[in-house]
Amino acid sequence: MTGHPPSITETGHVAPVARRVRAVLGGATIVDSVRAKYVWEWPYYPQFVFPPEDVRGADLIDEGCSEARPNGTAHRHGLRAAGVEKPGAAWVYGPDAESGLAGHVRFDWAAMDAWFEEDEQVFVHPRNPYTRVDALRSTRQVRVRLGGVLLAESSSPVLLFETGLPTRYYFNRTEVDFAHLVPAETVTACPYKGRTSAYWSVRVGDVLHEDLAWSYDFPVTAVAPITGLVAFYNEMVDIEVDGEPLPRPESPFSR
């Protein structure tokens, strides 16, 4: 229960995308592809790249800048579509590109208004096909404390297992002591769970620990058991499972 498997794929790995991918900008669909590919430009999650024929109603303007990528040289382009201009929003692989990527286009994720895999919106970055996310009901006894103060306790939590991250423990709201939770305006998004509907900081004594807990009222269907439940960052609280304290893990969310 204390470890978590890494989510690492070799840089430069290329794999086909078995789903339809679309990107929307300015109210127009400028990418619509069933021939996209995953390219790992770094080890943890991939980017989408598209054959140029699947880029529609958009102009790519060569900005005269090139960059070496793991699979070959990519050339930076601006994007003009639906009356919107986005400098540096696209990279086009040159003729030296390996793995059949020559001429393929990779868009900056944040430059688009929305991305869809089939008809489901995806946030932050493409879902890694080698990442698994499971939300499982459990009868483990789980307690969350901070500074010795009990924040949550349950014998019926939902455990969320996500490749590359610590196990997250989700509690019914009746099992959380909201006397110590302070509503926050933070909103985050996750490719595998969706967009959060609530965030809380935790006040212990005179100290406010910001953004330690969250909830998804409308998560993606694959993790429906966490709907409306509350979880805490293991990295910043003390969690006990079946009477055994867990060490605080190191993760991208550690502070």
C-alpha atoms as a PDB file:
ATOM      1  CA  MET A   1       0.000   0.000   0.000  1.00  0.00           C
ATOM      2  CA  THR A   2       2.979   2.335   0.380  1.00  0.00           C
ATOM      3  CA  GLY A   3       4.370   2.181  -3.146  1.00  0.00           C
ATOM      4  CA  HIS A   4       3.022   3.150  -6.532  1.00  0.00           C
ATOM      5  CA  PRO A   5       4.111   1.929  -9.975  1.00  0.00           C
ATOM      6  CA  PRO A   6       5.879   4.409 -12.213  1.00  0.00           C
ATOM      7  CA  SER A   7       4.321   5.769 -15.370  1.00  0.00           C
ATOM      8  CA  ILE A   8       7.359   5.958 -17.616  1.00  0.00           C
ATOM      9  CA  THR A   9       7.599   5.256 -21.343  1.00  0.00           C
ATOM     10  CA  GLU A  10      10.788   5.593 -23.348  1.00  0.00           C
ATOM     11  CA  THR A  11      11.266   9.019 -24.895  1.00  0.00           C
ATOM     12  CA  GLY A  12      10.662   8.890 -28.642  1.00  0.00           C
ATOM     13  CA  HIS A  13       8.182   6.008 -28.438  1.00  0.00           C
ATOM     14  CA  VAL A  14       5.429   6.227 -31.069  1.00  0.00           C
ATOM     15  CA  ALA A  15       2.125   4.346 -31.003  1.00  0.00           C
ATOM     16  CA  PRO A  16      -1.139   4.548 -32.964  1.00  0.00           C
ATOM     17  CA  VAL A  17      -4.174   6.208 -31.393  1.00  0.00           C
ATOM     18  CA  ALA A  18      -7.148   3.859 -31.649  1.00  0.00           C
ATOM     19  CA  ARG A  19      -9.730   6.582 -31.013  1.00  0.00           C
ATOM     20  CA  ARG A  20     -11.080   9.601 -32.850  1.00  0.00           C
ATOM     21  CA  VAL A  21      -9.395  12.839 -31.740  1.00  0.00           C
ATOM     22  CA  ARG A  22     -10.725  16.345 -32.299  1.00  0.00           C
ATOM     23  CA  ALA A  23      -9.524  19.813 -31.339  1.00  0.00           C
ATOM     24  CA  VAL A  24     -11.690  22.944 -31.265  1.00  0.00           C
ATOM     25  CA  LEU A  25     -10.579  26.549 -31.619  1.00  0.00           C
ATOM     26  CA  GLY A  26     -12.814  29.607 -31.938  1.00  0.00           C
ATOM     27  CA  GLY A  27     -15.885  27.406 -32.180  1.00  0.00           C
ATOM     28  CA  ALA A  28     -14.500  25.458 -35.164  1.00  0.00           C
ATOM     29  CA  THR A  29     -13.146  21.926 -35.276  1.00  0.00           C
ATOM     30  CA  ILE A  30      -9.709  22.318 -36.799  1.00  0.00           C
ATOM     31  CA  VAL A  31      -8.468  18.763 -36.201  1.00  0.00           C
ATOM     32  CA  ASP A  32     -10.576  15.660 -36.744  1.00  0.00           C
ATOM     33  CA  SER A  33      -8.576  12.465 -37.003  1.00  0.00           C
ATOM     34  CA  VAL A  34      -8.809   8.722 -36.659  1.00  0.00           C
ATOM     35  CA  ARG A  35      -5.165   8.455 -37.766  1.00  0.00           C
ATOM     36  CA  ALA A  36      -3.445  10.295 -34.922  1.00  0.00           C
ATOM     37  CA  LYS A  37      -0.321   8.970 -33.261  1.00  0.00           C
ATOM     38  CA  TYR A  38       1.032   9.185 -29.750  1.00  0.00           C
ATOM     39  CA  VAL A  39       4.573  10.529 -29.465  1.00  0.00           C
ATOM     40  CA  TRP A  40       6.416  10.562 -26.150  1.00  0.00           C
ATOM     41  CA  GLU A  41       8.504  13.725 -26.150  1.00  0.00           C
ATOM     42  CA  TRP A  42       9.203  13.061 -22.473  1.00  0.00           C
ATOM     43  CA  PRO A  43       8.666   9.859 -20.441  1.00  0.00           C
ATOM     44  CA  TYR A  44       5.440  10.476 -18.531  1.00  0.00           C
ATOM     45  CA  TYR A  45       2.669  11.111 -21.041  1.00  0.00           C
ATOM     46  CA  PRO A  46       2.403  11.464 -24.830  1.00  0.00           C
ATOM     47  CA  GLN A  47       1.414  14.188 -27.248  1.00  0.00           C
ATOM     48  CA  PHE A  48      -0.926  13.761 -30.217  1.00  0.00           C
ATOM     49  CA  VAL A  49       0.482  14.213 -33.712  1.00  0.00           C
ATOM     50  CA  PHE A  50      -1.685  14.317 -36.823  1.00  0.00           C
ATOM     51  CA  PRO A  51      -1.249  13.781 -40.563  1.00  0.00           C
ATOM     52  CA  PRO A  52      -1.605  17.176 -42.264  1.00  0.00           C
ATOM     53  CA  GLU A  53      -4.701  16.017 -44.157  1.00  0.00           C
ATOM     54  CA  ASP A  54      -6.600  15.869 -40.853  1.00  0.00           C
ATOM     55  CA  VAL A  55      -5.971  19.554 -40.087  1.00  0.00           C
ATOM     56  CA  ARG A  56      -8.911  21.462 -41.582  1.00  0.00           C
ATOM     57  CA  GLY A  57      -9.855  25.103 -41.961  1.00  0.00           C
ATOM     58  CA  ALA A  58      -6.592  26.263 -40.411  1.00  0.00           C
ATOM     59  CA  ASP A  59      -3.482  27.941 -41.790  1.00  0.00           C
ATOM     60  CA  LEU A  60      -0.056  27.033 -40.448  1.00  0.00           C
ATOM     61  CA  ILE A  61       2.484  29.848 -40.759  1.00  0.00           C
ATOM     62  CA  ASP A  62       6.143  28.823 -40.690  1.00  0.00           C
ATOM     63  CA  GLU A  63       7.937  30.961 -38.098  1.00  0.00           C
ATOM     64  CA  GLY A  64      11.431  29.973 -39.257  1.00  0.00           C
ATOM     65  CA  CYS A  65      12.412  28.194 -36.059  1.00  0.00           C
ATOM     66  CA  SER A  66      13.467  24.543 -35.811  1.00  0.00           C
ATOM     67  CA  GLU A  67      14.047  22.271 -32.854  1.00  0.00           C
ATOM     68  CA  ALA A  68      15.515  18.806 -32.489  1.00  0.00           C
ATOM     69  CA  ARG A  69      12.996  16.333 -31.107  1.00  0.00           C
ATOM     70  CA  PRO A  70      13.580  12.656 -30.200  1.00  0.00           C
ATOM     71  CA  ASN A  71      12.126  11.562 -33.568  1.00  0.00           C
ATOM     72  CA  GLY A  72      13.622  14.258 -35.795  1.00  0.00           C
ATOM     73  CA  THR A  73      13.531  17.968 -36.502  1.00  0.00           C
ATOM     74  CA  ALA A  74      10.303  19.888 -35.855  1.00  0.00           C
ATOM     75  CA  HIS A  75       9.547  23.322 -37.303  1.00  0.00           C
ATOM     76  CA  ARG A  76       7.559  25.865 -35.302  1.00  0.00           C
ATOM     77  CA  HIS A  77       4.426  27.314 -36.882  1.00  0.00           C
ATOM     78  CA  GLY A  78       1.806  29.845 -35.946  1.00  0.00           C
ATOM     79  CA  LEU A  79      -1.834  28.903 -36.256  1.00  0.00           C
ATOM     80  CA  ARG A  80      -4.618  30.938 -37.852  1.00  0.00           C
ATOM     81  CA  ALA A  81      -8.159  29.551 -37.705  1.00  0.00           C
ATOM     82  CA  ALA A  82     -11.731  30.775 -37.148  1.00  0.00           C
ATOM     83  CA  GLY A  83     -10.526  34.355 -36.840  1.00  0.00           C
ATOM     84  CA  VAL A  84      -8.074  33.435 -34.091  1.00  0.00           C
ATOM     85  CA  GLU A  85      -4.284  33.679 -34.342  1.00  0.00           C
ATOM     86  CA  LYS A  86      -2.019  31.612 -32.102  1.00  0.00           C
ATOM     87  CA  PRO A  87       1.728  32.229 -32.574  1.00  0.00           C
ATOM     88  CA  GLY A  88       3.953  29.217 -31.944  1.00  0.00           C
ATOM     89  CA  ALA A  89       0.976  26.904 -31.469  1.00  0.00           C
ATOM     90  CA  ALA A  90       2.080  24.119 -33.830  1.00  0.00           C
ATOM     91  CA  TRP A  91       5.142  22.076 -34.716  1.00  0.00           C
ATOM     92  CA  VAL A  92       5.519  20.271 -38.032  1.00  0.00           C
ATOM     93  CA  TYR A  93       7.938  17.360 -38.300  1.00  0.00           C
ATOM     94  CA  GLY A  94      10.473  17.679 -41.105  1.00  0.00           C
ATOM     95  CA  PRO A  95      11.388  15.108 -43.790  1.00  0.00           C
ATOM     96  CA  ASP A  96      14.087  13.621 -41.539  1.00  0.00           C
ATOM     97  CA  ALA A  97      11.530  12.504 -38.951  1.00  0.00           C
ATOM     98  CA  GLU A  98      11.500   8.818 -38.013  1.00  0.00           C
ATOM     99  CA  SER A  99       8.614   6.438 -37.267  1.00  0.00           C
ATOM    100  CA  GLY A 100       6.484   7.793 -40.119  1.00  0.00           C
ATOM    101  CA  LEU A 101       6.171  11.247 -38.546  1.00  0.00           C
ATOM    102  CA  ALA A 102       7.400  13.323 -41.514  1.00  0.00           C
ATOM    103  CA  GLY A 103       4.896  16.110 -42.196  1.00  0.00           C
ATOM    104  CA  HIS A 104       2.864  15.324 -39.083  1.00  0.00           C
ATOM    105  CA  VAL A 105       1.616  18.194 -36.934  1.00  0.00           C
ATOM    106  CA  ARG A 106       1.710  18.542 -33.162  1.00  0.00           C
ATOM    107  CA  PHE A 107      -0.372  21.321 -31.583  1.00  0.00           C
ATOM    108  CA  ASP A 108       0.242  23.005 -28.272  1.00  0.00           C
ATOM    109  CA  TRP A 109      -2.490  21.582 -26.036  1.00  0.00           C
ATOM    110  CA  ALA A 110      -3.225  24.865 -24.260  1.00  0.00           C
ATOM    111  CA  ALA A 111      -3.611  26.725 -27.563  1.00  0.00           C
ATOM    112  CA  MET A 112      -6.911  24.945 -28.234  1.00  0.00           C
ATOM    113  CA  ASP A 113     -10.255  25.718 -26.625  1.00  0.00           C
ATOM    114  CA  ALA A 114     -11.108  22.039 -26.142  1.00  0.00           C
ATOM    115  CA  TRP A 115      -9.925  18.537 -26.987  1.00  0.00           C
ATOM    116  CA  PHE A 116     -12.052  15.425 -27.416  1.00  0.00           C
ATOM    117  CA  GLU A 117     -11.304  11.711 -27.520  1.00  0.00           C
ATOM    118  CA  GLU A 118     -14.351  10.300 -29.282  1.00  0.00           C
ATOM    119  CA  ASP A 119     -17.140  12.469 -27.743  1.00  0.00           C
ATOM    120  CA  GLU A 120     -15.602  12.907 -24.295  1.00  0.00           C
ATOM    121  CA  GLN A 121     -13.687  16.063 -23.460  1.00  0.00           C
ATOM    122  CA  VAL A 122     -10.130  15.511 -22.244  1.00  0.00           C
ATOM    123  CA  PHE A 123      -8.250  17.942 -20.036  1.00  0.00           C
ATOM    124  CA  VAL A 124      -4.579  18.887 -19.501  1.00  0.00           C
ATOM    125  CA  HIS A 125      -2.925  16.402 -21.895  1.00  0.00           C
ATOM    126  CA  PRO A 126      -3.700  13.222 -23.853  1.00  0.00           C
ATOM    127  CA  ARG A 127      -4.458  10.176 -21.765  1.00  0.00           C
ATOM    128  CA  ASN A 128      -1.532   7.816 -21.594  1.00  0.00           C
ATOM    129  CA  PRO A 129      -2.658   4.453 -23.048  1.00  0.00           C
ATOM    130  CA  TYR A 130      -0.284   2.720 -20.610  1.00  0.00           C
ATOM    131  CA  THR A 131      -1.792   4.402 -17.550  1.00  0.00           C
ATOM    132  CA  ARG A 132      -4.497   2.596 -15.633  1.00  0.00           C
ATOM    133  CA  VAL A 133      -6.978   4.256 -13.276  1.00  0.00           C
ATOM    134  CA  ASP A 134      -9.285   2.187 -11.050  1.00  0.00           C
ATOM    135  CA  ALA A 135     -11.734   3.398  -8.389  1.00  0.00           C
ATOM    136  CA  LEU A 136     -12.430   0.489  -6.035  1.00  0.00           C
ATOM    137  CA  ARG A 137     -14.700   0.310  -3.013  1.00  0.00           C
ATOM    138  CA  SER A 138     -12.945  -0.979   0.096  1.00  0.00           C
ATOM    139  CA  THR A 139     -13.520  -1.924   3.737  1.00  0.00           C
ATOM    140  CA  ARG A 140     -10.071  -0.827   4.877  1.00  0.00           C
ATOM    141  CA  GLN A 141     -10.014   1.440   7.903  1.00  0.00           C
ATOM    142  CA  VAL A 142      -8.511   4.752   6.788  1.00  0.00           C
ATOM    143  CA  ARG A 143      -7.809   7.849   8.888  1.00  0.00           C
ATOM    144  CA  VAL A 144      -6.457  11.228   7.808  1.00  0.00           C
ATOM    145  CA  ARG A 145      -4.767  13.558  10.280  1.00  0.00           C
ATOM    146  CA  LEU A 146      -2.818  16.779  10.123  1.00  0.00           C
ATOM    147  CA  GLY A 147      -0.944  18.143  13.099  1.00  0.00           C
ATOM    148  CA  GLY A 148      -2.586  15.453  15.218  1.00  0.00           C
ATOM    149  CA  VAL A 149      -6.103  16.604  14.254  1.00  0.00           C
ATOM    150  CA  LEU A 150      -8.405  13.946  12.804  1.00  0.00           C
ATOM    151  CA  LEU A 151      -9.804  15.189   9.472  1.00  0.00           C
ATOM    152  CA  ALA A 152     -11.499  12.077   8.095  1.00  0.00           C
ATOM    153  CA  GLU A 153     -12.142   8.468   9.076  1.00  0.00           C
ATOM    154  CA  SER A 154     -13.835   5.663   7.159  1.00  0.00           C
ATOM    155  CA  SER A 155     -14.272   1.916   7.032  1.00  0.00           C
ATOM    156  CA  SER A 156     -15.858   2.188   3.566  1.00  0.00           C
ATOM    157  CA  PRO A 157     -13.567   4.407   1.489  1.00  0.00           C
ATOM    158  CA  VAL A 158     -13.118   4.348  -2.259  1.00  0.00           C
ATOM    159  CA  LEU A 159      -9.487   3.786  -3.232  1.00  0.00           C
ATOM    160  CA  LEU A 160      -8.333   5.319  -6.485  1.00  0.00           C
ATOM    161  CA  PHE A 161      -5.315   3.639  -8.067  1.00  0.00           C
ATOM    162  CA  GLU A 162      -3.644   5.664 -10.819  1.00  0.00           C
ATOM    163  CA  THR A 163      -0.421   4.553 -12.462  1.00  0.00           C
ATOM    164  CA  GLY A 164       2.429   6.806 -11.400  1.00  0.00           C
ATOM    165  CA  LEU A 165       0.661   8.375  -8.402  1.00  0.00           C
ATOM    166  CA  PRO A 166       0.046   7.361  -4.788  1.00  0.00           C
ATOM    167  CA  THR A 167      -3.232   5.662  -3.957  1.00  0.00           C
ATOM    168  CA  ARG A 168      -5.870   8.290  -3.201  1.00  0.00           C
ATOM    169  CA  TYR A 169      -8.408   7.644  -0.439  1.00  0.00           C
ATOM    170  CA  TYR A 170     -11.888   9.068  -1.033  1.00  0.00           C
ATOM    171  CA  PHE A 171     -14.317   9.623   1.864  1.00  0.00           C
ATOM    172  CA  ASN A 172     -18.049  10.129   2.123  1.00  0.00           C
ATOM    173  CA  ARG A 173     -18.698  13.721   3.166  1.00  0.00           C
ATOM    174  CA  THR A 174     -20.294  12.519   6.388  1.00  0.00           C
ATOM    175  CA  GLU A 175     -16.914  10.990   7.290  1.00  0.00           C
ATOM    176  CA  VAL A 176     -15.019  14.290   6.924  1.00  0.00           C
ATOM    177  CA  ASP A 177     -14.731  16.868   9.712  1.00  0.00           C
ATOM    178  CA  PHE A 178     -15.613  20.031   7.798  1.00  0.00           C
ATOM    179  CA  ALA A 179     -14.991  22.139  10.899  1.00  0.00           C
ATOM    180  CA  HIS A 180     -11.336  22.212   9.781  1.00  0.00           C
ATOM    181  CA  LEU A 181     -11.967  22.640   6.039  1.00  0.00           C
ATOM    182  CA  VAL A 182     -12.112  26.052   4.413  1.00  0.00           C
ATOM    183  CA  PRO A 183     -13.607  26.342   0.891  1.00  0.00           C
ATOM    184  CA  ALA A 184     -11.063  27.408  -1.738  1.00  0.00           C
ATOM    185  CA  GLU A 185     -11.537  28.796  -5.231  1.00  0.00           C
ATOM    186  CA  THR A 186      -9.026  26.409  -6.782  1.00  0.00           C
ATOM    187  CA  VAL A 187     -10.121  24.319  -9.764  1.00  0.00           C
ATOM    188  CA  THR A 188      -7.930  21.623 -11.275  1.00  0.00           C
ATOM    189  CA  ALA A 189      -8.408  19.188 -14.135  1.00  0.00           C
ATOM    190  CA  CYS A 190      -7.160  15.684 -14.819  1.00  0.00           C
ATOM    191  CA  PRO A 191      -7.174  13.678 -18.071  1.00  0.00           C
ATOM    192  CA  TYR A 192      -8.413  10.593 -16.207  1.00  0.00           C
ATOM    193  CA  LYS A 193     -10.893  12.049 -13.712  1.00  0.00           C
ATOM    194  CA  GLY A 194     -12.215  15.298 -15.169  1.00  0.00           C
ATOM    195  CA  ARG A 195     -12.534  18.751 -13.597  1.00  0.00           C
ATOM    196  CA  THR A 196     -12.837  19.262  -9.845  1.00  0.00           C
ATOM    197  CA  SER A 197     -16.021  20.792  -8.489  1.00  0.00           C
ATOM    198  CA  ALA A 198     -14.697  21.789  -5.054  1.00  0.00           C
ATOM    199  CA  TYR A 199     -11.414  22.395  -3.242  1.00  0.00           C
ATOM    200  CA  TRP A 200     -10.691  22.978   0.429  1.00  0.00           C
ATOM    201  CA  SER A 201      -7.812  24.247   2.491  1.00  0.00           C
ATOM    202  CA  VAL A 202      -7.323  22.876   6.001  1.00  0.00           C
ATOM    203  CA  ARG A 203      -7.028  25.027   9.121  1.00  0.00           C
ATOM    204  CA  VAL A 204      -5.204  23.509  12.080  1.00  0.00           C
ATOM    205  CA  GLY A 205      -4.786  25.954  14.931  1.00  0.00           C
ATOM    206  CA  ASP A 206      -3.672  29.265  13.446  1.00  0.00           C
ATOM    207  CA  VAL A 207      -2.185  27.727  10.298  1.00  0.00           C
ATOM    208  CA  LEU A 208      -4.072  27.481   7.001  1.00  0.00           C
ATOM    209  CA  HIS A 209      -2.753  24.701   4.766  1.00  0.00           C
ATOM    210  CA  GLU A 210      -3.902  25.627   1.293  1.00  0.00           C
ATOM    211  CA  ASP A 211      -5.578  23.317  -1.222  1.00  0.00           C
ATOM    212  CA  LEU A 212      -5.277  19.955   0.569  1.00  0.00           C
ATOM    213  CA  ALA A 213      -8.641  18.363  -0.323  1.00  0.00           C
ATOM    214  CA  TRP A 214     -10.895  18.143  -3.357  1.00  0.00           C
ATOM    215  CA  SER A 215     -13.992  16.547  -4.817  1.00  0.00           C
ATOM    216  CA  TYR A 216     -15.404  15.632  -8.225  1.00  0.00           C
ATOM    217  CA  ASP A 217     -19.179  15.948  -8.525  1.00  0.00           C
ATOM    218  CA  PHE A 218     -19.101  14.937 -12.196  1.00  0.00           C
ATOM    219  CA  PRO A 219     -16.033  12.727 -12.794  1.00  0.00           C
ATOM    220  CA  VAL A 220     -15.540  10.774 -15.985  1.00  0.00           C
ATOM    221  CA  THR A 221     -17.567   7.582 -16.128  1.00  0.00           C
ATOM    222  CA  ALA A 222     -14.554   5.305 -15.604  1.00  0.00           C
ATOM    223  CA  VAL A 223     -14.112   6.585 -12.028  1.00  0.00           C
ATOM    224  CA  ALA A 224     -17.792   7.106 -11.151  1.00  0.00           C
ATOM    225  CA  PRO A 225     -17.395   5.631  -7.611  1.00  0.00           C
ATOM    226  CA  ILE A 226     -15.565   8.804  -6.484  1.00  0.00           C
ATOM    227  CA  THR A 227     -18.544  11.036  -7.335  1.00  0.00           C
ATOM    228  CA  GLY A 228     -19.086  13.593  -4.588  1.00  0.00           C
ATOM    229  CA  LEU A 229     -16.462  12.073  -2.291  1.00  0.00           C
ATOM    230  CA  VAL A 230     -13.548  13.952  -0.697  1.00  0.00           C
ATOM    231  CA  ALA A 231      -9.841  13.102  -0.995  1.00  0.00           C
ATOM    232  CA  PHE A 232      -6.701  14.587   0.541  1.00  0.00           C
ATOM    233  CA  TYR A 233      -3.181  14.925  -0.810  1.00  0.00           C
ATOM    234  CA  ASN A 234      -1.228  12.088   0.810  1.00  0.00           C
ATOM    235  CA  GLU A 235       1.877  14.180   0.280  1.00  0.00           C
ATOM    236  CA  MET A 236       0.714  16.798   2.800  1.00  0.00           C
ATOM    237  CA  VAL A 237      -1.333  14.931   5.412  1.00  0.00           C
ATOM    238  CA  ASP A 238      -0.802  11.873   7.597  1.00  0.00           C
ATOM    239  CA  ILE A 239      -2.732   8.783   6.509  1.00  0.00           C
ATOM    240  CA  GLU A 240      -3.214   5.581   8.457  1.00  0.00           C
ATOM    241  CA  VAL A 241      -4.536   2.406   6.785  1.00  0.00           C
ATOM    242  CA  ASP A 242      -5.659  -0.521   8.937  1.00  0.00           C
ATOM    243  CA  GLY A 243      -3.762   0.939  11.858  1.00  0.00           C
ATOM    244  CA  GLU A 244      -0.501   1.358   9.958  1.00  0.00           C
ATOM    245  CA  PRO A 245       0.799   4.885   9.258  1.00  0.00           C
ATOM    246  CA  LEU A 246       1.833   5.504   5.663  1.00  0.00           C
ATOM    247  CA  PRO A 247       4.926   7.540   4.863  1.00  0.00           C
ATOM    248  CA  ARG A 248       4.200  10.717   2.971  1.00  0.00           C
ATOM    249  CA  PRO A 249       4.994   9.880  -0.660  1.00  0.00           C
ATOM    250  CA  GLU A 250       7.044  11.863  -3.130  1.00  0.00           C
ATOM    251  CA  SER A 251       5.148  12.786  -6.275  1.00  0.00           C
ATOM    252  CA  PRO A 252       4.725  15.696  -8.709  1.00  0.00           C
ATOM    253  CA  PHE A 253       2.279  17.132  -6.144  1.00  0.00           C
ATOM    254  CA  SER A 254       4.749  17.205  -3.256  1.00  0.00           C
ATOM    255  CA  ARG A 255       5.492  20.666  -1.840  1.00  0.00           C
END
